[in-house]
Amino acid sequence: MAVLPPAPLGDHQKPVAAARSLRAGVRLVLACTAALVAAVGVTWYAPGRAAPAATAGVVVLREPR
């Protein structure tokens, strides 16, 4: 019995640990949301690709078969 913490302290340790885990989870959710928004912003709103330099302005005509 000497190993157990006093009753009020023992009752308070679990809620404190749960609150700490909840805060860490909220921070991780916010960080993942920010990473997702950044990834979508970079891929969706990025400027388009330019044509390759070798074919820029060149019209390729095919012969009819």
C-alpha atoms as a PDB file:
ATOM      1  CA  MET A   1       0.000   0.000   0.000  1.00  0.00           C
ATOM      2  CA  ALA A   2       2.937   2.346   0.520  1.00  0.00           C
ATOM      3  CA  VAL A   3       3.628   2.284  -3.248  1.00  0.00           C
ATOM      4  CA  LEU A   4       0.258   3.786  -4.211  1.00  0.00           C
ATOM      5  CA  PRO A   5      -0.014   7.593  -4.406  1.00  0.00           C
ATOM      6  CA  PRO A   6      -2.527   9.378  -2.181  1.00  0.00           C
ATOM      7  CA  ALA A   7      -6.129   9.210  -3.432  1.00  0.00           C
ATOM      8  CA  PRO A   8      -6.504  12.826  -4.697  1.00  0.00           C
ATOM      9  CA  LEU A   9      -3.175  12.674  -6.537  1.00  0.00           C
ATOM     10  CA  GLY A  10      -3.968   9.267  -8.056  1.00  0.00           C
ATOM     11  CA  ASP A  11      -7.342  10.536  -9.282  1.00  0.00           C
ATOM     12  CA  HIS A  12      -5.707  13.558 -10.905  1.00  0.00           C
ATOM     13  CA  GLN A  13      -2.929  11.772 -12.841  1.00  0.00           C
ATOM     14  CA  LYS A  14      -5.175  10.132 -15.463  1.00  0.00           C
ATOM     15  CA  PRO A  15      -7.064  13.330 -16.423  1.00  0.00           C
ATOM     16  CA  VAL A  16      -3.787  15.239 -16.702  1.00  0.00           C
ATOM     17  CA  ALA A  17      -2.312  12.546 -18.961  1.00  0.00           C
ATOM     18  CA  ALA A  18      -5.511  12.489 -21.043  1.00  0.00           C
ATOM     19  CA  ALA A  19      -5.470  16.282 -21.426  1.00  0.00           C
ATOM     20  CA  ARG A  20      -1.810  16.169 -22.470  1.00  0.00           C
ATOM     21  CA  SER A  21      -2.569  13.500 -25.093  1.00  0.00           C
ATOM     22  CA  LEU A  22      -5.575  15.468 -26.333  1.00  0.00           C
ATOM     23  CA  ARG A  23      -3.468  18.613 -26.767  1.00  0.00           C
ATOM     24  CA  ALA A  24      -0.824  16.651 -28.674  1.00  0.00           C
ATOM     25  CA  GLY A  25      -3.521  15.138 -30.886  1.00  0.00           C
ATOM     26  CA  VAL A  26      -5.033  18.532 -31.656  1.00  0.00           C
ATOM     27  CA  ARG A  27      -1.598  19.884 -32.596  1.00  0.00           C
ATOM     28  CA  LEU A  28      -0.962  16.912 -34.885  1.00  0.00           C
ATOM     29  CA  VAL A  29      -4.348  17.343 -36.584  1.00  0.00           C
ATOM     30  CA  LEU A  30      -3.622  21.025 -37.190  1.00  0.00           C
ATOM     31  CA  ALA A  31      -0.147  20.225 -38.545  1.00  0.00           C
ATOM     32  CA  CYS A  32      -1.534  17.570 -40.905  1.00  0.00           C
ATOM     33  CA  THR A  33      -4.260  19.948 -42.071  1.00  0.00           C
ATOM     34  CA  ALA A  34      -1.685  22.630 -42.797  1.00  0.00           C
ATOM     35  CA  ALA A  35       0.464  20.131 -44.718  1.00  0.00           C
ATOM     36  CA  LEU A  36      -2.549  18.993 -46.748  1.00  0.00           C
ATOM     37  CA  VAL A  37      -3.556  22.573 -47.581  1.00  0.00           C
ATOM     38  CA  ALA A  38       0.020  23.374 -48.615  1.00  0.00           C
ATOM     39  CA  ALA A  39       0.255  20.258 -50.798  1.00  0.00           C
ATOM     40  CA  VAL A  40      -3.039  21.001 -52.544  1.00  0.00           C
ATOM     41  CA  GLY A  41      -2.050  24.636 -52.993  1.00  0.00           C
ATOM     42  CA  VAL A  42       1.268  23.718 -54.579  1.00  0.00           C
ATOM     43  CA  THR A  43      -0.126  21.054 -56.898  1.00  0.00           C
ATOM     44  CA  TRP A  44      -3.462  22.622 -57.809  1.00  0.00           C
ATOM     45  CA  TYR A  45      -2.494  26.269 -58.178  1.00  0.00           C
ATOM     46  CA  ALA A  46       1.036  25.856 -59.510  1.00  0.00           C
ATOM     47  CA  PRO A  47       1.787  27.436 -62.893  1.00  0.00           C
ATOM     48  CA  GLY A  48       1.388  25.173 -65.913  1.00  0.00           C
ATOM     49  CA  ARG A  49       4.303  23.444 -67.580  1.00  0.00           C
ATOM     50  CA  ALA A  50       6.008  25.192 -70.450  1.00  0.00           C
ATOM     51  CA  ALA A  51       6.510  23.416 -73.746  1.00  0.00           C
ATOM     52  CA  PRO A  52       9.912  21.768 -74.229  1.00  0.00           C
ATOM     53  CA  ALA A  53      12.453  24.083 -75.848  1.00  0.00           C
ATOM     54  CA  ALA A  54      13.021  21.793 -78.874  1.00  0.00           C
ATOM     55  CA  THR A  55       9.366  21.864 -79.949  1.00  0.00           C
ATOM     56  CA  ALA A  56       8.314  25.332 -78.864  1.00  0.00           C
ATOM     57  CA  GLY A  57       6.627  27.049 -81.807  1.00  0.00           C
ATOM     58  CA  VAL A  58       7.197  24.118 -84.197  1.00  0.00           C
ATOM     59  CA  VAL A  59       4.199  22.710 -86.027  1.00  0.00           C
ATOM     60  CA  VAL A  60       4.472  19.041 -86.907  1.00  0.00           C
ATOM     61  CA  LEU A  61       2.490  18.004 -89.998  1.00  0.00           C
ATOM     62  CA  ARG A  62       1.726  14.390 -90.741  1.00  0.00           C
ATOM     63  CA  GLU A  63       1.265  13.026 -94.213  1.00  0.00           C
ATOM     64  CA  PRO A  64      -2.137  11.531 -94.915  1.00  0.00           C
ATOM     65  CA  ARG A  65      -2.171   7.727 -95.131  1.00  0.00           C
END
